[in-house]
Protein backbone atom coordinates (compact mmCIF):
# COMPACT_ATOMS: atom_id res chain seq x y z
CA UNK A 1 0.29 -0.37 -0.23
CA UNK A 2 2.67 2.51 0.90
CA UNK A 3 4.87 1.50 -2.23
CA UNK A 4 4.79 5.16 -4.13
CA UNK A 5 6.15 5.85 -7.17
CA UNK A 6 8.01 8.59 -8.07
CA UNK A 7 5.33 10.50 -9.26
CA UNK A 8 2.81 10.36 -7.17
CA UNK A 9 5.96 11.24 -4.82
CA UNK A 10 6.42 13.50 -6.28
CA UNK A 11 2.85 15.31 -6.89
CA UNK A 12 2.89 14.82 -3.15
CA UNK A 13 6.11 17.26 -2.66
CA UNK A 14 4.06 19.57 -4.66
CA UNK A 15 0.77 19.94 -3.13
CA UNK A 16 3.18 19.83 0.68
CA UNK A 17 5.07 22.78 -0.48
CA UNK A 18 2.33 24.76 -2.91
CA UNK A 19 0.25 23.51 1.15
CA UNK A 20 3.14 25.53 2.94
CA UNK A 21 3.20 28.47 0.43
CA UNK A 22 -0.58 28.68 1.00
CA UNK A 23 0.07 28.35 5.09
CA UNK A 24 3.51 31.31 4.94
CA UNK A 25 0.98 33.75 2.72
CA UNK A 26 -1.58 33.50 5.74
CA UNK A 27 0.46 34.57 8.11
CA UNK A 28 1.79 37.49 5.95
CA UNK A 29 -2.16 38.12 5.50
CA UNK A 30 -3.01 37.63 9.04
CA UNK A 31 -0.21 39.35 10.00
CA UNK A 32 -0.21 42.78 8.23
CA UNK A 33 -4.60 42.19 9.44
CA UNK A 34 -3.09 42.33 13.14
CA UNK A 35 -1.36 45.72 12.55
CA UNK A 36 -3.72 47.44 10.43
CA UNK A 37 -6.33 46.68 13.54
CA UNK A 38 -4.07 47.22 15.68
CA UNK A 39 -3.60 51.27 13.69
CA UNK A 40 -6.60 52.02 13.77
CA UNK A 41 -7.24 51.02 17.44
CA UNK A 42 -5.46 53.85 17.70
CA UNK A 43 -7.17 55.62 15.64
CA UNK A 44 -9.62 55.66 16.62
CA UNK A 45 -8.58 55.97 20.11
CA UNK A 46 -7.26 58.76 19.41
CA UNK A 47 -10.55 60.81 17.28
CA UNK A 48 -12.00 59.49 20.58
CA UNK A 49 -10.27 61.44 23.04
CA UNK A 50 -9.67 64.45 20.60
CA UNK A 51 -14.22 64.20 20.37
CA UNK A 52 -14.58 63.70 24.22
CA UNK A 53 -11.68 66.89 24.75
CA UNK A 54 -13.68 69.39 21.77
CA UNK A 55 -16.95 67.82 23.39
CA UNK A 56 -16.07 69.28 26.74
CA UNK A 57 -15.32 72.40 24.59
CA UNK A 58 -18.77 73.12 23.53
CA UNK A 59 -20.36 72.78 26.54
CA UNK A 60 -17.52 75.05 28.37
CA UNK A 61 -18.46 77.86 25.95
CA UNK A 62 -22.24 76.48 25.41
CA UNK A 63 -22.02 77.71 29.37
CA UNK A 64 -20.29 80.79 28.48
CA UNK A 65 -22.42 82.17 26.30
CA UNK A 66 -25.85 82.12 28.32
CA UNK A 67 -24.71 83.31 30.78
CA UNK A 68 -22.71 86.66 29.41
CA UNK A 69 -26.60 86.03 27.39
CA UNK A 70 -27.79 86.61 30.41
CA UNK A 71 -25.83 89.39 31.74
CA UNK A 72 -25.83 90.97 28.73
CA UNK A 73 -30.31 90.68 29.47
CA UNK A 74 -30.09 92.22 33.29
CA UNK A 75 -28.33 94.98 31.59
CA UNK A 76 -30.82 95.37 29.25
CA UNK A 77 -33.55 96.02 31.78
CA UNK A 78 -30.79 98.31 34.32
CA UNK A 79 -31.61 100.46 31.28
CA UNK A 80 -34.90 100.61 29.34
CA UNK A 81 -36.42 103.77 29.22
């Protein structure tokens, strides 16, 4: 049963080599994907941090604007004829 002729051995070796090449390519693409995921995750984290900072700045500006508007309304009321 295990008497393979030269042609069968060559076919098997060829298939095994092709399978190994495919595995190496898959590992290469997997590593590239993992690196891209890490890069994108860092970008998302950075943008999330910036978004939180901008939202906080906006809230502060809104509060300050409302406060200034209230002060202006009080002043306008004082000087009303």
